[in-house]
Amino acid sequence: MSSIYNCTGHELKIPDIVDSDGAWLIDRSGKRYLDLESGVWCTPLGHKNQSVNKAITRQIASISHVGFCYSNEVVEKAGEAVISITDFFGGQCVFLCSGSEAIELARQMSKHLTNKPTTLCLHDAYLGSFSSTISRDSGWAIFDWNECATCPKRQTCDIECPKLKAVPDDIAEFVFEPGSSGGFVRFPPVALIKNIAEIVQSQGGKVIVNDVTTGMGRTGEWFGYNHYQIEPDFVAIGKGLGNGYPVSALAINRKAVSQLKSGTFKYMQSHQNDPLGAAVALEVISQITRENLIDRAANLGRTFLKELQSLGDDTVPDLIG
């Protein structure tokens, strides 16, 4: 019997995976499996990526962890890279270990800044594995957008719509997951999300984008929110940022940084801003940039969608309404 407790709900059926090669996984017998999901959407540059492995080797040979009270050049460079790809110029970021933690930190910051009690999210949003986002019995406002998906006005979405007018005014943050919906691929209408974000921000609330799954080029843009006409206050990044290494980041825009620095907010975690994780994130961003992989993902995505639609099944829609 294995010493590892499997609490994922998925039965382990494949033989032990002992090696990898780009998009392929290899078991003990040498059989190869095409990894169509990049692990858990975590390896956009492929398994055993040599550039990422070299970055890990270089950094681990010097220092991997420094603690709360010391800085390191690679962390600063990686932070600048995150700020660049989010267009949060004048903002800052925090490196963490998982996307769930990035969402948790963003929500803590938002509630500290707004002094409001409620989190707004779409009804099908998956926002992490922590109980703070899974248990939504209190302190949550859930926006059911099922009707909006087929609404004839979904491309214009009048802000006077009764569903939008029902958004409460005690929202600390609107946490928006652009497209994943807990494993499904569902893209809410652009106009709907734009209006929700404008309502929340006009009432003093914040917008947190959960781009843990849809970020790092997966949608043909750096981030899923780039397909929507919104200006978030926080962007949670994970999964693909580490290409298999457990690192995440929370990007914070200039306004929120200024507000946080004038307040009393504190957050400490043992592996916060570790040089090793930052070195990996920096190399991933650098490789995606120098190899122009965002445009490649966009082009391949358009081709793939066109081929799916050519099958004659009219249930394959355009991605964003």
Protein backbone atom coordinates (compact mmCIF):
# COMPACT_ATOMS: atom_id res chain seq x y z
CA MET A 1 0.00 0.00 0.00
CA SER A 2 1.26 3.48 -0.86
CA SER A 3 2.35 5.75 1.97
CA ILE A 4 0.79 8.70 0.09
CA TYR A 5 -2.81 9.51 0.90
CA ASN A 6 -4.72 10.28 -2.30
CA CYS A 7 -7.45 12.79 -1.47
CA THR A 8 -7.96 14.19 -4.99
CA GLY A 9 -10.95 12.06 -5.87
CA HIS A 10 -9.11 10.73 -8.94
CA GLU A 11 -8.16 7.07 -9.09
CA LEU A 12 -4.52 6.52 -10.03
CA LYS A 13 -4.61 4.13 -12.98
CA ILE A 14 -1.48 4.92 -14.98
CA PRO A 15 1.78 3.07 -14.12
CA ASP A 16 4.50 5.03 -12.35
CA ILE A 17 5.68 7.96 -14.46
CA VAL A 18 9.47 8.06 -14.31
CA ASP A 19 10.51 10.46 -17.09
CA SER A 20 9.24 13.16 -19.41
CA ASP A 21 10.02 14.85 -22.69
CA GLY A 22 8.23 18.04 -23.68
CA ALA A 23 4.57 17.12 -24.02
CA TRP A 24 5.22 13.44 -23.25
CA LEU A 25 5.21 11.43 -20.04
CA ILE A 26 7.10 8.12 -19.88
CA ASP A 27 6.38 5.17 -17.60
CA ARG A 28 8.71 2.45 -16.26
CA SER A 29 8.18 0.27 -19.32
CA GLY A 30 9.11 3.10 -21.67
CA LYS A 31 5.54 3.67 -22.85
CA ARG A 32 4.87 7.32 -23.77
CA TYR A 33 1.70 9.25 -22.91
CA LEU A 34 0.79 12.54 -24.60
CA ASP A 35 0.05 15.02 -21.81
CA LEU A 36 -2.80 16.98 -23.35
CA GLU A 37 -3.41 19.02 -20.18
CA SER A 38 0.20 20.00 -19.38
CA GLY A 39 -0.09 18.29 -16.02
CA VAL A 40 -2.68 20.34 -14.15
CA TRP A 41 -2.23 23.13 -16.72
CA CYS A 42 1.15 23.81 -15.13
CA THR A 43 3.79 23.16 -17.82
CA PRO A 44 3.24 25.50 -20.79
CA LEU A 45 6.91 25.19 -21.79
CA GLY A 46 6.84 21.41 -21.62
CA HIS A 47 8.18 18.88 -19.14
CA LYS A 48 11.92 18.77 -18.48
CA ASN A 49 12.40 22.16 -20.11
CA GLN A 50 16.16 22.64 -20.28
CA SER A 51 16.17 26.43 -19.86
CA VAL A 52 14.00 26.23 -16.75
CA ASN A 53 16.06 23.36 -15.34
CA LYS A 54 19.27 25.37 -15.85
CA ALA A 55 17.73 28.35 -14.05
CA ILE A 56 16.84 26.09 -11.12
CA THR A 57 20.36 24.63 -11.05
CA ARG A 58 22.02 28.04 -11.12
CA GLN A 59 19.87 29.46 -8.34
CA ILE A 60 19.88 26.45 -6.05
CA ALA A 61 23.69 26.43 -6.24
CA SER A 62 23.75 29.86 -4.58
CA ILE A 63 20.67 30.42 -2.39
CA SER A 64 17.07 29.26 -2.52
CA HIS A 65 15.59 30.89 0.59
CA VAL A 66 16.37 34.12 2.45
CA GLY A 67 13.47 34.78 4.82
CA PHE A 68 11.55 37.97 5.53
CA CYS A 69 14.35 40.44 6.23
CA TYR A 70 16.68 40.16 3.25
CA SER A 71 16.41 40.94 -0.44
CA ASN A 72 17.86 39.23 -3.49
CA GLU A 73 18.50 40.52 -7.01
CA VAL A 74 16.68 37.71 -8.80
CA VAL A 75 13.52 38.42 -6.80
CA GLU A 76 13.64 42.07 -7.88
CA LYS A 77 14.16 41.11 -11.54
CA ALA A 78 11.35 38.58 -11.44
CA GLY A 79 9.06 41.15 -9.83
CA GLU A 80 9.84 43.61 -12.62
CA ALA A 81 8.98 40.92 -15.17
CA VAL A 82 5.60 40.23 -13.53
CA ILE A 83 4.80 43.94 -13.39
CA SER A 84 5.71 44.25 -17.08
CA ILE A 85 3.45 41.46 -18.34
CA THR A 86 0.50 42.66 -16.23
CA ASP A 87 1.00 46.31 -17.29
CA PHE A 88 0.90 47.24 -13.59
CA PHE A 89 3.62 49.85 -13.95
CA GLY A 90 4.23 51.50 -10.61
CA GLY A 91 2.75 48.45 -8.91
CA GLN A 92 4.45 45.62 -7.06
CA CYS A 93 4.13 41.85 -6.63
CA VAL A 94 4.56 39.13 -4.02
CA PHE A 95 5.87 35.65 -4.85
CA LEU A 96 4.17 32.76 -3.07
CA CYS A 97 3.80 29.00 -3.56
CA SER A 98 0.34 28.37 -5.03
CA GLY A 99 -2.49 30.05 -6.86
CA SER A 100 -4.82 29.38 -3.95
CA GLU A 101 -2.54 31.37 -1.69
CA ALA A 102 -2.36 34.25 -4.16
CA ILE A 103 -6.16 34.47 -4.16
CA GLU A 104 -6.23 34.29 -0.36
CA LEU A 105 -3.71 37.12 -0.02
CA ALA A 106 -5.55 39.30 -2.54
CA ARG A 107 -8.82 38.86 -0.65
CA GLN A 108 -7.16 39.70 2.66
CA MET A 109 -5.67 42.85 1.14
CA SER A 110 -8.95 43.85 -0.45
CA LYS A 111 -10.96 43.49 2.73
CA HIS A 112 -8.31 45.43 4.64
CA LEU A 113 -8.46 48.29 2.13
CA THR A 114 -12.22 48.47 1.62
CA ASN A 115 -13.43 47.57 5.10
CA LYS A 116 -16.28 45.74 3.39
CA PRO A 117 -17.43 42.19 4.22
CA THR A 118 -18.58 40.55 1.00
CA THR A 119 -16.86 38.76 -1.88
CA LEU A 120 -18.64 38.69 -5.23
CA CYS A 121 -17.97 35.90 -7.73
CA LEU A 122 -19.67 34.14 -10.62
CA HIS A 123 -21.69 31.07 -9.68
CA ASP A 124 -19.33 28.61 -11.40
CA ALA A 125 -16.02 30.14 -10.33
CA TYR A 126 -13.35 27.95 -8.79
CA LEU A 127 -11.10 30.16 -6.68
CA GLY A 128 -8.73 27.75 -4.99
CA SER A 129 -8.48 24.83 -2.62
CA PHE A 130 -8.69 26.78 0.67
CA SER A 131 -11.88 26.55 2.72
CA SER A 132 -12.02 30.37 2.69
CA THR A 133 -13.05 30.20 -0.99
CA ILE A 134 -14.84 26.85 -1.06
CA SER A 135 -17.24 27.58 1.83
CA ARG A 136 -19.55 30.32 0.53
CA ASP A 137 -22.45 30.14 2.96
CA SER A 138 -21.76 33.59 4.39
CA GLY A 139 -19.82 36.63 3.28
CA TRP A 140 -20.37 35.85 -0.40
CA ALA A 141 -22.60 37.26 -3.16
CA ILE A 142 -22.98 34.76 -6.00
CA PHE A 143 -23.79 36.07 -9.48
CA ASP A 144 -25.54 33.40 -11.59
CA TRP A 145 -24.73 34.25 -15.20
CA ASN A 146 -26.42 31.26 -16.87
CA GLU A 147 -29.15 33.48 -18.32
CA CYS A 148 -26.54 36.01 -19.47
CA ALA A 149 -24.81 33.38 -21.64
CA THR A 150 -27.79 33.28 -24.03
CA CYS A 151 -29.21 36.76 -23.47
CA PRO A 152 -29.83 38.54 -26.80
CA LYS A 153 -28.29 41.68 -25.27
CA ARG A 154 -25.17 39.91 -23.98
CA GLN A 155 -22.84 41.87 -26.31
CA THR A 156 -24.13 45.22 -25.05
CA CYS A 157 -25.40 44.28 -21.56
CA ASP A 158 -27.31 47.32 -20.35
CA ILE A 159 -26.04 48.36 -16.92
CA GLU A 160 -29.70 48.90 -15.97
CA CYS A 161 -30.27 45.14 -16.21
CA PRO A 162 -32.07 43.95 -13.03
CA LYS A 163 -29.35 41.36 -12.36
CA LEU A 164 -26.68 44.06 -12.42
CA LYS A 165 -28.76 46.48 -10.37
CA ALA A 166 -29.03 43.74 -7.72
CA VAL A 167 -25.25 43.75 -7.09
CA PRO A 168 -24.98 44.82 -3.42
CA ASP A 169 -22.94 47.85 -2.35
CA ASP A 170 -20.99 46.07 0.40
CA ILE A 171 -18.69 44.22 -2.03
CA ALA A 172 -15.05 44.21 -0.94
CA GLU A 173 -13.91 42.46 -4.09
CA PHE A 174 -15.17 40.90 -7.29
CA VAL A 175 -13.06 37.80 -7.89
CA PHE A 176 -13.21 37.01 -11.59
CA GLU A 177 -12.01 33.75 -13.12
CA PRO A 178 -11.82 34.38 -16.90
CA GLY A 179 -12.78 31.19 -18.66
CA SER A 180 -11.90 28.17 -16.57
CA SER A 181 -14.95 27.70 -14.35
CA GLY A 182 -13.45 24.93 -12.28
CA GLY A 183 -12.16 22.86 -15.18
CA PHE A 184 -14.88 23.65 -17.69
CA VAL A 185 -14.24 26.22 -20.40
CA ARG A 186 -16.90 28.90 -20.17
CA PHE A 187 -16.24 32.52 -21.08
CA PRO A 188 -18.70 35.08 -19.69
CA PRO A 189 -19.71 37.92 -22.04
CA VAL A 190 -17.25 40.81 -22.13
CA ALA A 191 -19.91 43.46 -21.53
CA LEU A 192 -21.22 41.63 -18.47
CA ILE A 193 -17.82 41.43 -16.79
CA LYS A 194 -16.98 45.02 -17.71
CA ASN A 195 -20.21 46.24 -16.11
CA ILE A 196 -19.77 44.17 -12.94
CA ALA A 197 -16.21 45.45 -12.52
CA GLU A 198 -17.29 49.06 -13.05
CA ILE A 199 -20.11 48.74 -10.52
CA VAL A 200 -17.87 47.21 -7.86
CA GLN A 201 -15.01 49.68 -8.36
CA SER A 202 -17.37 52.67 -8.44
CA GLN A 203 -18.64 51.57 -5.00
CA GLY A 204 -15.10 51.42 -3.62
CA GLY A 205 -14.55 47.69 -4.07
CA LYS A 206 -11.63 45.94 -5.74
CA VAL A 207 -11.37 43.60 -8.72
CA ILE A 208 -9.25 40.48 -8.31
CA VAL A 209 -8.53 38.43 -11.40
CA ASN A 210 -7.93 34.73 -10.86
CA ASP A 211 -5.60 34.04 -13.81
CA VAL A 212 -3.98 31.04 -12.16
CA THR A 213 -5.37 28.69 -14.83
CA THR A 214 -5.87 31.04 -17.78
CA GLY A 215 -2.65 33.02 -17.46
CA MET A 216 0.81 32.69 -18.99
CA GLY A 217 -0.36 32.68 -22.60
CA ARG A 218 -2.94 29.93 -22.40
CA THR A 219 -5.61 32.04 -24.14
CA GLY A 220 -3.37 33.70 -26.74
CA GLU A 221 -2.77 36.68 -24.44
CA TRP A 222 -0.56 36.88 -21.38
CA PHE A 223 -3.69 36.66 -19.24
CA GLY A 224 -7.32 35.75 -19.62
CA TYR A 225 -8.42 39.16 -18.37
CA ASN A 226 -6.69 40.76 -21.39
CA HIS A 227 -9.73 39.62 -23.42
CA TYR A 228 -11.98 41.74 -21.19
CA GLN A 229 -12.17 45.51 -20.96
CA ILE A 230 -11.32 45.76 -17.28
CA GLU A 231 -8.52 47.18 -15.16
CA PRO A 232 -8.11 44.85 -12.16
CA ASP A 233 -6.56 45.86 -8.85
CA PHE A 234 -4.97 42.45 -8.28
CA VAL A 235 -3.94 39.60 -10.58
CA ALA A 236 -3.32 36.15 -9.10
CA ILE A 237 -0.84 34.11 -11.17
CA GLY A 238 0.23 30.50 -10.69
CA LYS A 239 0.45 27.11 -12.42
CA GLY A 240 2.23 28.02 -15.69
CA LEU A 241 4.35 30.66 -13.96
CA GLY A 242 6.56 27.88 -12.57
CA ASN A 243 6.32 25.38 -15.46
CA GLY A 244 5.86 22.64 -12.88
CA TYR A 245 7.75 24.30 -10.03
CA PRO A 246 5.43 25.46 -7.19
CA VAL A 247 5.57 29.24 -7.43
CA SER A 248 2.83 31.83 -7.74
CA ALA A 249 2.61 35.60 -7.70
CA LEU A 250 0.14 38.28 -6.75
CA ALA A 251 0.47 41.43 -8.85
CA ILE A 252 -0.86 44.59 -7.19
CA ASN A 253 -1.59 47.78 -9.12
CA ARG A 254 -0.13 51.16 -8.22
CA LYS A 255 -3.24 52.49 -6.46
CA ALA A 256 -3.62 49.44 -4.24
CA VAL A 257 0.11 49.46 -3.40
CA SER A 258 -0.14 53.09 -2.31
CA GLN A 259 -3.18 52.34 -0.16
CA LEU A 260 -1.53 49.31 1.44
CA LYS A 261 1.64 51.23 2.29
CA SER A 262 -0.36 53.92 4.05
CA GLY A 263 -2.14 51.31 6.18
CA THR A 264 -1.23 48.55 8.62
CA PHE A 265 -1.61 45.42 6.52
CA LYS A 266 0.83 42.57 7.26
CA TYR A 267 1.19 39.09 5.76
CA MET A 268 4.00 36.60 6.34
CA GLN A 269 4.60 33.15 4.89
CA SER A 270 7.76 31.08 5.18
CA HIS A 271 8.46 30.87 1.44
CA GLN A 272 7.34 34.35 0.54
CA ASN A 273 9.60 35.87 -2.15
CA ASP A 274 12.00 32.93 -2.23
CA PRO A 275 14.85 33.44 -4.75
CA LEU A 276 14.46 29.93 -6.17
CA GLY A 277 10.81 30.34 -7.08
CA ALA A 278 11.49 33.83 -8.41
CA ALA A 279 14.33 32.52 -10.60
CA VAL A 280 11.98 29.97 -12.13
CA ALA A 281 9.27 32.58 -12.75
CA LEU A 282 11.80 34.91 -14.35
CA GLU A 283 13.04 32.23 -16.73
CA VAL A 284 9.52 31.16 -17.70
CA ILE A 285 8.53 34.75 -18.52
CA SER A 286 11.81 35.29 -20.38
CA GLN A 287 11.41 32.16 -22.50
CA ILE A 288 7.79 32.89 -23.39
CA THR A 289 8.88 36.39 -24.44
CA ARG A 290 11.98 35.56 -26.45
CA GLU A 291 10.31 32.68 -28.31
CA ASN A 292 7.16 34.71 -29.00
CA LEU A 293 4.99 31.96 -27.57
CA ILE A 294 1.98 34.21 -26.88
CA ASP A 295 1.44 34.82 -30.60
CA ARG A 296 2.08 31.15 -31.31
CA ALA A 297 -0.61 30.15 -28.81
CA ALA A 298 -3.05 32.62 -30.37
CA ASN A 299 -2.41 31.35 -33.89
CA LEU A 300 -2.66 27.69 -32.91
CA GLY A 301 -5.80 28.41 -30.90
CA ARG A 302 -7.52 30.06 -33.85
CA THR A 303 -6.57 27.14 -36.10
CA PHE A 304 -7.78 24.58 -33.57
CA LEU A 305 -11.10 26.38 -33.04
CA LYS A 306 -11.66 26.68 -36.80
CA GLU A 307 -11.04 22.96 -37.26
CA LEU A 308 -13.43 22.10 -34.43
CA GLN A 309 -16.13 24.28 -35.96
CA SER A 310 -15.57 22.65 -39.37
CA LEU A 311 -16.70 19.32 -37.97
CA GLY A 312 -20.25 20.48 -38.55
CA ASP A 313 -21.28 20.56 -34.92
CA ASP A 314 -22.84 23.97 -34.30
CA THR A 315 -22.41 23.55 -30.54
CA VAL A 316 -18.78 24.76 -30.79
CA PRO A 317 -19.15 28.53 -30.15
CA ASP A 318 -16.84 31.48 -30.45
CA LEU A 319 -14.85 31.72 -27.25
CA ILE A 320 -16.05 35.02 -25.79
CA GLY A 321 -19.47 36.54 -26.37
